[in-house]
Amino acid sequence: MKEASAHLEHGTEGEKARILVVDDEPGIRDGCRKILASEGYAVEVAADGLDGCAMATRKQDPFDLALVDLKMPGMDGIQVLSKIREHDPEIITIVITAYATLETAIQATRQGAYGYVPKPFTPDELLLLIRKGLEKRRLSLRTKRLQEERERDLLEICRERNRCRAIINHMTDALIVVNRHQQFALANPAAMAMFRKQEMPAVGTPLGDCLENPRLLELVRGVLSDTDEFREVTGKEITLRDNRAAMANIAPFLDDTGSALGAVIVLGDITELKQLEKAKAAFISMVSHELKSPLAAIENFAELVLKGTFKGDKAREALGRMRSRAEGARKMIDDLLNFSALEAGAIARNKERMLLKDAIEDAVATQRDLAKERGITIDTGQVDCEAAMSADRDDMVKLFTNLISNAVKYNKEGGRVTVSCTDCDGSVEIVVNDTGVGIPRRHLDNVFDEFYRIRNEGTKRIGGTGLGLAIVKKIVDAYYGEISVESEPGKGTTFTVLFRGGER
């Protein structure tokens, strides 16, 4: 008995095995209960098949093993086995029978019986079969649990892989992974777009066959070499085929011995940053040049007046020129400040319902003197409309001032500027047309770029920052409008601003 007690089986982890005995003979029921209880099992008994099925199929306190008599009135053992196995496929069932034949054994096995005990039987015969059956259940449950854990782990791995894939695919930077032999392993859509590839290369394709960029290939080879100096992340600027610039950051991933298993390449498109650097350099050069001239002129005129070289009318003329140059410098500074504020979104707009013709009239008034000086006619006969919109008055005045100022500055002596404002189907269209020098076709796509100026015989004596039309575009965009330009060299230019009904 000591050996039997030491070999106490459990149904589930840390719990006593629960056993159900179903037999219509009281002696067999009581005998089995006493034998099993003495071994530490939790035992319940049923006197017939109906009670046995009811007890075995209850939701609470499930049984690990059932001993079922084969021949019982009402519901026989085969039926009981079928019902019990249908409820719990993992339960161990053992048949107790006084009619042990090959046919009954086959029939019981078909219903999932683990084995059978012929009557009469000894306690050792019963316990041996029960221990084996419970061990099978324990192993079966453990296998099932491990299988469930494996499936959960695989599902979690799959989810994690999908999350990683989603992150990689949504990266704006290009990402490429290669193995130690510089063979393609992985890339994201941004990488395919950067290198103008329509299809993802096959895994194992040499990187040189995927990317035609000698500088990048050289950097990857360096990172994957055995030289310790390349073990850190390498960051270098490279030039792509279409003259775009990219910052390549390449890092090796290593095994436990420090050998490179492969490399991760992250490429960020810095073309706009490079263009911004050039624009800043051009801006500094332009501001230096444009401000240097008026300041030098102001300084020279002031020096001549102070020395007494200019007196009377000449002194007044010099002061007038000084004022003109100072106004030009102030206008340049105003343009720079306005553009900087618009770019940063730092302008607080005070919107109110206003007539656009009022803003146009204010803008025209600022250009009357210059137009008169050059004999240029500003025609606003088609501005007498009642088109209104919710806007900041200063924004609208700046917009039309820049357009009309350009139309006057870049016009011919004795030329004409025509401004019209038309309210049609709930939208308003403002057109500024001039008879000036015009804009070559190749420049039309860039006229709204900041600091962009057209240098030719007709414009070389006209000063400016190249910010006027950039400011116009910023204001139009802020009100969700549209602006377009048409021009023909020597014949003039037409700017059209459209504010649709829903934008007003």
Protein backbone atom coordinates (compact mmCIF):
# COMPACT_ATOMS: atom_id res chain seq x y z
CA MET A 1 0.00 0.00 0.00
CA LYS A 2 2.94 2.32 0.68
CA GLU A 3 3.98 1.95 -2.94
CA ALA A 4 0.45 2.72 -4.12
CA SER A 5 0.17 5.79 -1.89
CA ALA A 6 3.49 7.12 -3.11
CA HIS A 7 2.23 6.78 -6.68
CA LEU A 8 -0.84 8.97 -6.18
CA GLU A 9 -1.90 10.46 -9.53
CA HIS A 10 -3.56 13.83 -10.06
CA GLY A 11 -6.21 14.75 -12.57
CA THR A 12 -5.20 18.35 -13.18
CA GLU A 13 -2.06 20.04 -11.89
CA GLY A 14 -2.01 19.99 -8.05
CA GLU A 15 -5.50 18.42 -7.62
CA LYS A 16 -6.71 14.92 -6.66
CA ALA A 17 -7.93 12.78 -9.51
CA ARG A 18 -11.74 12.56 -9.53
CA ILE A 19 -13.23 9.20 -10.46
CA LEU A 20 -16.86 8.24 -11.21
CA VAL A 21 -18.04 4.63 -10.71
CA VAL A 22 -21.24 3.68 -12.62
CA ASP A 23 -22.51 0.17 -11.79
CA ASP A 24 -25.92 -1.27 -10.87
CA GLU A 25 -24.37 -3.80 -8.45
CA PRO A 26 -24.02 -2.29 -4.94
CA GLY A 27 -21.14 -4.59 -4.07
CA ILE A 28 -19.07 -3.51 -7.06
CA ARG A 29 -19.85 0.21 -6.44
CA ASP A 30 -18.91 0.08 -2.75
CA GLY A 31 -15.86 -2.07 -3.38
CA CYS A 32 -14.49 0.25 -6.05
CA ARG A 33 -15.23 3.31 -3.90
CA LYS A 34 -13.35 1.89 -0.90
CA ILE A 35 -10.34 0.76 -2.95
CA LEU A 36 -10.01 4.08 -4.75
CA ALA A 37 -10.69 6.25 -1.69
CA SER A 38 -7.96 4.42 0.22
CA GLU A 39 -5.54 5.53 -2.52
CA GLY A 40 -6.52 9.16 -2.05
CA TYR A 41 -8.76 9.57 -5.08
CA ALA A 42 -11.99 11.61 -4.93
CA VAL A 43 -14.71 9.09 -5.75
CA GLU A 44 -18.41 9.40 -6.57
CA VAL A 45 -20.78 6.55 -7.52
CA ALA A 46 -23.95 6.17 -9.64
CA ALA A 47 -26.39 3.23 -9.55
CA ASP A 48 -27.45 3.38 -13.22
CA GLY A 49 -26.58 4.84 -16.58
CA LEU A 50 -28.94 7.85 -16.39
CA ASP A 51 -27.53 9.02 -13.05
CA GLY A 52 -24.01 8.35 -14.31
CA CYS A 53 -24.55 10.48 -17.42
CA ALA A 54 -26.09 13.30 -15.36
CA MET A 55 -23.13 13.33 -12.97
CA ALA A 56 -20.47 13.04 -15.69
CA THR A 57 -21.87 15.83 -17.83
CA ARG A 58 -22.32 18.48 -15.13
CA LYS A 59 -20.28 21.63 -15.64
CA GLN A 60 -18.78 21.84 -12.16
CA ASP A 61 -16.20 19.39 -10.73
CA PRO A 62 -15.51 17.38 -13.91
CA PHE A 63 -14.24 13.81 -13.61
CA ASP A 64 -10.84 12.58 -14.79
CA LEU A 65 -11.83 8.94 -15.13
CA ALA A 66 -15.07 6.93 -15.26
CA LEU A 67 -15.53 3.21 -14.45
CA VAL A 68 -18.67 2.07 -16.32
CA ASP A 69 -20.46 -1.25 -16.10
CA LEU A 70 -21.24 -2.58 -19.56
CA LYS A 71 -24.59 -4.25 -18.77
CA MET A 72 -27.09 -2.05 -16.92
CA PRO A 73 -30.89 -1.69 -17.12
CA GLY A 74 -32.24 1.34 -18.94
CA MET A 75 -29.11 2.88 -20.44
CA ASP A 76 -26.32 0.40 -21.02
CA GLY A 77 -22.58 1.05 -20.68
CA ILE A 78 -21.97 1.68 -24.40
CA GLN A 79 -24.56 4.48 -24.41
CA VAL A 80 -23.10 5.94 -21.22
CA LEU A 81 -19.60 5.88 -22.76
CA SER A 82 -20.88 7.70 -25.83
CA LYS A 83 -22.58 10.47 -23.79
CA ILE A 84 -19.58 10.94 -21.48
CA ARG A 85 -17.05 11.10 -24.32
CA GLU A 86 -19.27 13.50 -26.24
CA HIS A 87 -19.22 15.84 -23.22
CA ASP A 88 -15.50 15.48 -22.46
CA PRO A 89 -13.32 13.86 -25.15
CA GLU A 90 -10.31 13.88 -22.78
CA ILE A 91 -11.94 11.82 -19.97
CA ILE A 92 -10.54 8.32 -19.45
CA THR A 93 -13.23 5.62 -19.55
CA ILE A 94 -12.75 2.04 -18.37
CA VAL A 95 -15.37 -0.66 -18.83
CA ILE A 96 -16.30 -3.07 -16.01
CA THR A 97 -17.88 -6.22 -17.43
CA ALA A 98 -18.65 -9.82 -16.57
CA TYR A 99 -18.99 -10.60 -20.28
CA ALA A 100 -15.52 -9.80 -21.57
CA THR A 101 -15.33 -10.90 -25.18
CA LEU A 102 -13.47 -9.67 -28.26
CA GLU A 103 -16.68 -8.21 -29.58
CA THR A 104 -17.38 -6.19 -26.40
CA ALA A 105 -13.77 -5.02 -26.30
CA ILE A 106 -14.02 -3.75 -29.89
CA GLN A 107 -17.33 -2.06 -29.21
CA ALA A 108 -16.04 -0.35 -26.06
CA THR A 109 -12.87 0.79 -27.83
CA ARG A 110 -14.94 2.36 -30.61
CA GLN A 111 -16.64 4.49 -27.95
CA GLY A 112 -13.25 5.67 -26.74
CA ALA A 113 -12.78 3.30 -23.78
CA TYR A 114 -9.19 3.16 -22.56
CA GLY A 115 -9.54 -0.47 -21.43
CA TYR A 116 -11.79 -2.89 -19.55
CA VAL A 117 -11.68 -4.90 -16.30
CA PRO A 118 -13.37 -8.32 -16.32
CA LYS A 119 -15.40 -9.26 -13.24
CA PRO A 120 -14.31 -10.46 -10.77
CA PHE A 121 -11.10 -8.41 -10.44
CA THR A 122 -8.53 -7.76 -7.72
CA PRO A 123 -7.72 -4.31 -6.29
CA ASP A 124 -4.27 -4.45 -7.88
CA GLU A 125 -5.72 -5.17 -11.32
CA LEU A 126 -8.09 -2.23 -10.99
CA LEU A 127 -5.50 0.19 -9.61
CA LEU A 128 -2.91 -0.69 -12.25
CA LEU A 129 -5.30 0.10 -15.08
CA ILE A 130 -6.53 3.28 -13.37
CA ARG A 131 -2.98 4.55 -12.81
CA LYS A 132 -2.13 3.97 -16.47
CA GLY A 133 -5.36 5.66 -17.56
CA LEU A 134 -4.77 8.70 -15.33
CA GLU A 135 -1.17 8.95 -16.54
CA LYS A 136 -2.48 8.95 -20.10
CA ARG A 137 -4.95 11.69 -19.19
CA ARG A 138 -2.23 13.72 -17.50
CA LEU A 139 0.01 13.44 -20.55
CA SER A 140 -2.89 14.13 -22.89
CA LEU A 141 -3.91 17.26 -20.97
CA ARG A 142 -0.32 18.44 -20.80
CA THR A 143 0.09 17.88 -24.54
CA LYS A 144 -3.13 19.77 -25.20
CA ARG A 145 -2.01 22.61 -22.94
CA LEU A 146 1.37 22.78 -24.62
CA GLN A 147 -0.34 22.74 -28.01
CA GLU A 148 -2.61 25.62 -26.96
CA GLU A 149 0.37 27.54 -25.60
CA ARG A 150 2.25 26.91 -28.83
CA GLU A 151 -0.71 28.12 -30.87
CA ARG A 152 -1.02 31.22 -28.67
CA ASP A 153 2.71 31.87 -29.02
CA LEU A 154 2.53 31.41 -32.78
CA LEU A 155 -0.47 33.72 -32.93
CA GLU A 156 1.36 36.33 -30.85
CA ILE A 157 4.46 35.95 -33.03
CA CYS A 158 2.26 36.41 -36.09
CA ARG A 159 0.65 39.48 -34.56
CA GLU A 160 4.02 40.90 -33.59
CA ARG A 161 5.35 40.24 -37.08
CA ASN A 162 2.33 41.99 -38.58
CA ARG A 163 2.81 44.94 -36.22
CA CYS A 164 6.48 45.17 -37.17
CA ARG A 165 5.59 44.87 -40.85
CA ALA A 166 2.98 47.64 -40.50
CA ILE A 167 5.50 49.91 -38.77
CA ILE A 168 8.16 49.22 -41.40
CA ASN A 169 5.72 49.73 -44.28
CA HIS A 170 4.51 53.05 -42.89
CA MET A 171 8.00 54.46 -42.33
CA THR A 172 8.60 57.54 -44.44
CA ASP A 173 12.32 56.73 -44.53
CA ALA A 174 13.52 53.96 -46.81
CA LEU A 175 14.60 50.77 -45.02
CA ILE A 176 16.61 47.91 -46.52
CA VAL A 177 18.00 44.81 -44.76
CA VAL A 178 20.79 42.65 -46.20
CA ASN A 179 22.58 39.55 -44.92
CA ARG A 180 26.32 39.18 -44.37
CA HIS A 181 26.79 38.31 -48.04
CA GLN A 182 25.19 41.62 -49.12
CA GLN A 183 22.09 39.83 -50.36
CA PHE A 184 18.66 41.43 -50.23
CA ALA A 185 16.46 40.32 -47.32
CA LEU A 186 13.83 43.01 -46.72
CA ALA A 187 12.73 46.46 -47.87
CA ASN A 188 9.77 48.74 -47.28
CA PRO A 189 7.64 50.58 -49.88
CA ALA A 190 9.53 53.84 -49.22
CA ALA A 191 12.76 52.14 -50.34
CA MET A 192 11.13 50.85 -53.51
CA ALA A 193 9.80 54.33 -54.26
CA MET A 194 13.15 55.98 -53.57
CA PHE A 195 14.95 53.71 -56.02
CA ARG A 196 12.09 53.70 -58.54
CA LYS A 197 11.50 49.94 -58.25
CA GLN A 198 8.14 48.56 -59.31
CA GLU A 199 8.52 45.13 -57.69
CA MET A 200 10.18 43.90 -54.51
CA PRO A 201 13.41 42.01 -55.35
CA ALA A 202 13.50 38.31 -54.50
CA VAL A 203 15.08 37.43 -51.17
CA GLY A 204 18.72 36.49 -51.77
CA THR A 205 19.21 38.83 -54.74
CA PRO A 206 22.65 40.52 -54.59
CA LEU A 207 22.23 44.09 -53.39
CA GLY A 208 24.22 45.34 -56.40
CA ASP A 209 21.51 43.92 -58.67
CA CYS A 210 18.81 45.79 -56.70
CA LEU A 211 20.45 49.18 -56.24
CA GLU A 212 22.62 50.91 -58.79
CA ASN A 213 24.42 53.19 -56.36
CA PRO A 214 28.17 52.51 -56.04
CA ARG A 215 28.57 54.80 -53.02
CA LEU A 216 25.86 53.02 -51.04
CA LEU A 217 27.24 49.59 -51.95
CA GLU A 218 30.70 50.72 -50.82
CA LEU A 219 29.31 51.82 -47.45
CA VAL A 220 27.48 48.52 -46.95
CA ARG A 221 30.64 46.55 -47.75
CA GLY A 222 32.52 48.62 -45.20
CA VAL A 223 29.96 47.99 -42.47
CA LEU A 224 29.95 44.23 -43.16
CA SER A 225 33.76 43.98 -43.18
CA ASP A 226 35.67 42.52 -40.23
CA THR A 227 37.33 45.84 -39.43
CA ASP A 228 36.30 47.12 -36.00
CA GLU A 229 36.21 50.74 -37.16
CA PHE A 230 33.00 49.99 -39.11
CA ARG A 231 31.15 48.39 -36.19
CA GLU A 232 29.42 51.66 -35.30
CA VAL A 233 26.53 53.18 -37.24
CA THR A 234 27.76 54.78 -40.46
CA GLY A 235 26.01 57.97 -41.57
CA LYS A 236 26.92 59.41 -44.96
CA GLU A 237 25.26 61.60 -47.54
CA ILE A 238 24.74 59.99 -50.93
CA THR A 239 23.39 61.22 -54.24
CA LEU A 240 20.61 59.26 -55.95
CA ARG A 241 20.25 58.78 -59.68
CA ASP A 242 17.85 61.70 -60.22
CA ASN A 243 20.15 64.10 -58.30
CA ARG A 244 18.15 63.79 -55.13
CA ALA A 245 20.14 63.69 -51.90
CA ALA A 246 19.75 61.10 -49.15
CA MET A 247 21.32 60.53 -45.75
CA ALA A 248 22.31 56.85 -45.47
CA ASN A 249 22.54 55.41 -41.94
CA ILE A 250 23.90 51.87 -41.99
CA ALA A 251 24.26 49.67 -38.91
CA PRO A 252 25.41 46.04 -38.64
CA PHE A 253 23.60 43.48 -36.49
CA LEU A 254 26.00 41.06 -34.85
CA ASP A 255 25.96 37.53 -33.44
CA ASP A 256 27.30 36.55 -29.98
CA THR A 257 30.85 36.41 -31.29
CA GLY A 258 30.72 39.92 -32.74
CA SER A 259 30.57 38.80 -36.36
CA ALA A 260 28.19 40.68 -38.65
CA LEU A 261 25.05 38.74 -39.57
CA GLY A 262 23.87 41.51 -41.87
CA ALA A 263 23.14 45.22 -42.01
CA VAL A 264 20.18 47.58 -41.73
CA ILE A 265 20.16 50.53 -44.13
CA VAL A 266 17.93 53.54 -43.40
CA LEU A 267 17.79 56.26 -46.06
CA GLY A 268 16.22 59.65 -45.43
CA ASP A 269 15.47 61.94 -48.36
CA ILE A 270 17.20 65.26 -47.58
CA THR A 271 16.69 66.84 -51.00
CA GLU A 272 14.40 69.53 -49.59
CA LEU A 273 16.88 70.26 -46.80
CA LYS A 274 19.65 70.69 -49.35
CA GLN A 275 17.43 72.95 -51.42
CA LEU A 276 16.63 74.90 -48.27
CA GLU A 277 20.34 75.31 -47.60
CA LYS A 278 20.80 76.66 -51.11
CA ALA A 279 17.79 78.94 -50.67
CA LYS A 280 19.23 80.26 -47.41
CA ALA A 281 22.58 80.89 -49.09
CA ALA A 282 20.80 82.66 -51.96
CA PHE A 283 18.74 84.62 -49.46
CA ILE A 284 21.81 85.81 -47.54
CA SER A 285 23.50 86.77 -50.79
CA MET A 286 20.40 88.55 -52.06
CA VAL A 287 19.73 90.44 -48.82
CA SER A 288 23.38 91.43 -48.56
CA HIS A 289 23.35 92.77 -52.10
CA GLU A 290 19.91 94.39 -52.01
CA LEU A 291 20.48 96.12 -48.66
CA LYS A 292 24.08 97.04 -49.32
CA SER A 293 23.24 99.22 -52.33
CA PRO A 294 20.59 101.47 -50.71
CA LEU A 295 22.55 101.76 -47.47
CA ALA A 296 25.71 102.74 -49.38
CA ALA A 297 23.72 105.32 -51.37
CA ILE A 298 22.14 106.72 -48.19
CA GLU A 299 25.57 106.91 -46.55
CA ASN A 300 27.12 108.68 -49.56
CA PHE A 301 24.31 111.22 -49.90
CA ALA A 302 24.37 111.93 -46.14
CA GLU A 303 28.14 112.41 -46.27
CA LEU A 304 27.84 114.90 -49.14
CA VAL A 305 25.08 116.86 -47.38
CA LEU A 306 27.02 116.95 -44.09
CA LYS A 307 30.16 118.16 -45.86
CA GLY A 308 28.18 120.93 -47.51
CA THR A 309 28.79 119.60 -51.02
CA PHE A 310 25.05 119.62 -51.65
CA LYS A 311 23.19 122.74 -50.69
CA GLY A 312 19.78 124.16 -51.37
CA ASP A 313 17.88 122.31 -54.10
CA LYS A 314 20.65 119.76 -54.51
CA ALA A 315 20.53 118.97 -50.78
CA ARG A 316 16.75 118.50 -50.96
CA GLU A 317 17.17 116.27 -54.01
CA ALA A 318 19.79 114.21 -52.16
CA LEU A 319 17.49 113.90 -49.14
CA GLY A 320 14.68 112.78 -51.46
CA ARG A 321 16.91 110.08 -52.91
CA MET A 322 17.95 109.03 -49.42
CA ARG A 323 14.28 108.73 -48.45
CA SER A 324 13.53 106.72 -51.59
CA ARG A 325 16.39 104.32 -50.89
CA ALA A 326 15.32 104.01 -47.23
CA GLU A 327 11.74 103.23 -48.31
CA GLY A 328 13.06 100.53 -50.64
CA ALA A 329 15.09 98.97 -47.81
CA ARG A 330 12.08 99.20 -45.46
CA LYS A 331 9.87 97.52 -48.08
CA MET A 332 12.38 94.69 -48.35
CA ILE A 333 12.42 94.24 -44.57
CA ASP A 334 8.60 94.32 -44.49
CA ASP A 335 8.47 91.59 -47.15
CA LEU A 336 10.89 89.44 -45.17
CA LEU A 337 8.93 89.89 -41.93
CA ASN A 338 5.58 89.24 -43.66
CA PHE A 339 6.83 86.09 -45.34
CA SER A 340 8.47 84.83 -42.13
CA ALA A 341 5.22 85.36 -40.20
CA LEU A 342 3.12 83.65 -42.89
CA GLU A 343 5.57 80.72 -43.06
CA ALA A 344 5.44 80.26 -39.28
CA GLY A 345 1.67 80.70 -39.09
CA ALA A 346 2.24 83.45 -36.54
CA ILE A 347 -0.27 85.94 -37.96
CA ALA A 348 -3.41 86.52 -35.90
CA ARG A 349 -6.18 87.06 -38.42
CA ASN A 350 -9.09 89.35 -37.62
CA LYS A 351 -11.68 88.10 -40.10
CA GLU A 352 -14.74 90.12 -40.95
CA ARG A 353 -17.21 90.34 -43.81
CA MET A 354 -15.70 92.76 -46.31
CA LEU A 355 -16.07 93.93 -49.91
CA LEU A 356 -13.09 92.89 -52.01
CA LYS A 357 -13.35 96.05 -54.10
CA ASP A 358 -12.42 98.07 -50.99
CA ALA A 359 -9.17 96.10 -50.56
CA ILE A 360 -8.42 96.47 -54.28
CA GLU A 361 -8.95 100.25 -54.13
CA ASP A 362 -6.60 100.51 -51.12
CA ALA A 363 -3.96 98.47 -52.99
CA VAL A 364 -4.30 100.61 -56.15
CA ALA A 365 -3.93 103.79 -54.09
CA THR A 366 -0.47 102.71 -52.92
CA GLN A 367 0.71 102.36 -56.55
CA ARG A 368 -0.80 105.52 -58.08
CA ASP A 369 2.30 107.69 -57.68
CA LEU A 370 4.72 105.15 -59.18
CA ALA A 371 2.28 104.41 -62.04
CA LYS A 372 1.88 108.15 -62.75
CA GLU A 373 5.64 108.64 -62.70
CA ARG A 374 6.06 105.97 -65.39
CA GLY A 375 2.99 106.97 -67.38
CA ILE A 376 1.18 103.71 -66.61
CA THR A 377 -2.62 103.65 -66.51
CA ILE A 378 -4.35 101.54 -63.83
CA ASP A 379 -7.84 100.64 -65.02
CA THR A 380 -10.25 99.53 -62.25
CA GLY A 381 -13.42 100.04 -64.24
CA GLN A 382 -14.40 96.39 -63.85
CA VAL A 383 -13.93 96.31 -60.06
CA ASP A 384 -17.28 97.87 -59.21
CA CYS A 385 -18.88 94.66 -57.94
CA GLU A 386 -20.38 93.68 -54.60
CA ALA A 387 -18.33 90.48 -54.11
CA ALA A 388 -17.74 89.96 -50.38
CA MET A 389 -15.99 87.36 -48.23
CA SER A 390 -14.94 86.78 -44.64
CA ALA A 391 -11.27 87.78 -44.48
CA ASP A 392 -8.65 89.86 -42.72
CA ARG A 393 -8.56 93.19 -44.51
CA ASP A 394 -4.76 93.48 -44.17
CA ASP A 395 -4.35 90.07 -45.87
CA MET A 396 -6.41 91.11 -48.85
CA VAL A 397 -4.66 94.49 -49.17
CA LYS A 398 -1.23 92.76 -49.08
CA LEU A 399 -2.38 90.24 -51.69
CA PHE A 400 -3.63 92.84 -54.19
CA THR A 401 -0.80 95.29 -53.42
CA ASN A 402 1.82 92.73 -54.37
CA LEU A 403 0.03 91.76 -57.58
CA ILE A 404 -0.59 95.37 -58.69
CA SER A 405 2.90 96.48 -57.62
CA ASN A 406 4.44 93.77 -59.82
CA ALA A 407 2.16 94.75 -62.68
CA VAL A 408 3.42 98.34 -62.42
CA LYS A 409 7.12 97.58 -61.79
CA TYR A 410 7.45 95.07 -64.62
CA ASN A 411 5.39 97.11 -67.08
CA LYS A 412 6.59 99.18 -70.01
CA GLU A 413 6.72 102.97 -69.94
CA GLY A 414 3.25 104.19 -70.81
CA GLY A 415 1.81 100.71 -70.28
CA ARG A 416 -1.50 99.63 -68.81
CA VAL A 417 -2.67 97.60 -65.78
CA THR A 418 -6.23 96.28 -65.77
CA VAL A 419 -7.85 94.98 -62.59
CA SER A 420 -11.22 93.21 -62.63
CA CYS A 421 -13.37 91.61 -59.95
CA THR A 422 -16.25 89.34 -61.00
CA ASP A 423 -18.85 87.68 -58.79
CA CYS A 424 -20.16 84.56 -60.57
CA ASP A 425 -22.28 81.70 -59.19
CA GLY A 426 -21.22 82.40 -55.62
CA SER A 427 -17.50 82.52 -56.44
CA VAL A 428 -15.35 85.58 -56.98
CA GLU A 429 -12.58 85.96 -59.55
CA ILE A 430 -9.96 88.73 -59.40
CA VAL A 431 -7.78 89.28 -62.48
CA VAL A 432 -4.70 91.54 -62.67
CA ASN A 433 -3.43 92.01 -66.22
CA ASP A 434 -0.47 94.09 -67.42
CA THR A 435 1.18 94.98 -70.72
CA GLY A 436 4.68 94.48 -69.34
CA VAL A 437 7.83 92.50 -70.11
CA GLY A 438 6.16 89.13 -69.55
CA ILE A 439 7.53 85.90 -68.10
CA PRO A 440 9.26 83.20 -70.18
CA ARG A 441 7.35 79.92 -70.16
CA ARG A 442 10.16 78.01 -68.43
CA HIS A 443 9.84 80.25 -65.37
CA LEU A 444 6.07 80.03 -64.89
CA ASP A 445 6.21 77.00 -62.57
CA ASN A 446 8.59 78.79 -60.19
CA VAL A 447 7.22 82.32 -59.95
CA PHE A 448 5.56 81.60 -56.57
CA ASP A 449 8.76 80.19 -55.03
CA GLU A 450 10.37 82.28 -52.31
CA PHE A 451 13.39 84.39 -53.36
CA TYR A 452 12.81 83.42 -56.99
CA ARG A 453 13.65 86.22 -59.41
CA ILE A 454 13.87 86.27 -63.19
CA ARG A 455 17.09 87.83 -64.41
CA ASN A 456 17.04 89.23 -67.95
CA GLU A 457 17.42 92.52 -69.80
CA GLY A 458 13.92 93.62 -68.92
CA THR A 459 14.22 93.00 -65.16
CA LYS A 460 17.86 93.55 -64.24
CA ARG A 461 17.30 97.16 -63.09
CA ILE A 462 14.20 96.31 -61.03
CA GLY A 463 14.93 95.67 -57.36
CA GLY A 464 13.09 93.30 -55.07
CA THR A 465 13.38 90.33 -52.72
CA GLY A 466 11.62 87.70 -54.82
CA LEU A 467 9.09 87.31 -51.98
CA GLY A 468 6.11 89.28 -53.31
CA LEU A 469 4.46 86.41 -55.21
CA ALA A 470 5.44 83.90 -52.50
CA ILE A 471 3.50 86.07 -50.02
CA VAL A 472 0.57 86.20 -52.45
CA LYS A 473 0.52 82.39 -52.70
CA LYS A 474 0.66 81.99 -48.91
CA ILE A 475 -2.33 84.30 -48.45
CA VAL A 476 -4.38 82.65 -51.22
CA ASP A 477 -3.66 79.22 -49.73
CA ALA A 478 -4.65 80.42 -46.25
CA TYR A 479 -8.12 81.20 -47.63
CA TYR A 480 -8.30 77.95 -49.64
CA GLY A 481 -8.30 79.86 -52.89
CA GLU A 482 -6.55 79.26 -56.21
CA ILE A 483 -4.09 81.39 -58.16
CA SER A 484 -2.82 80.93 -61.72
CA VAL A 485 -0.59 82.84 -64.11
CA GLU A 486 -0.46 83.25 -67.87
CA SER A 487 2.22 85.22 -69.65
CA GLU A 488 3.91 85.88 -72.97
CA PRO A 489 7.30 87.62 -73.15
CA GLY A 490 6.98 91.16 -74.52
CA LYS A 491 3.17 91.16 -74.33
CA GLY A 492 2.33 91.03 -70.62
CA THR A 493 1.18 88.84 -67.75
CA THR A 494 -2.18 87.90 -66.23
CA PHE A 495 -2.67 86.70 -62.65
CA THR A 496 -6.04 85.17 -61.73
CA VAL A 497 -7.19 84.64 -58.13
CA LEU A 498 -10.29 82.54 -57.47
CA PHE A 499 -12.19 82.26 -54.17
CA ARG A 500 -14.99 79.72 -54.44
CA GLY A 501 -18.34 80.07 -52.74
CA GLY A 502 -17.60 77.48 -50.02
CA GLU A 503 -14.32 79.26 -49.24
CA ARG A 504 -16.02 82.65 -48.70
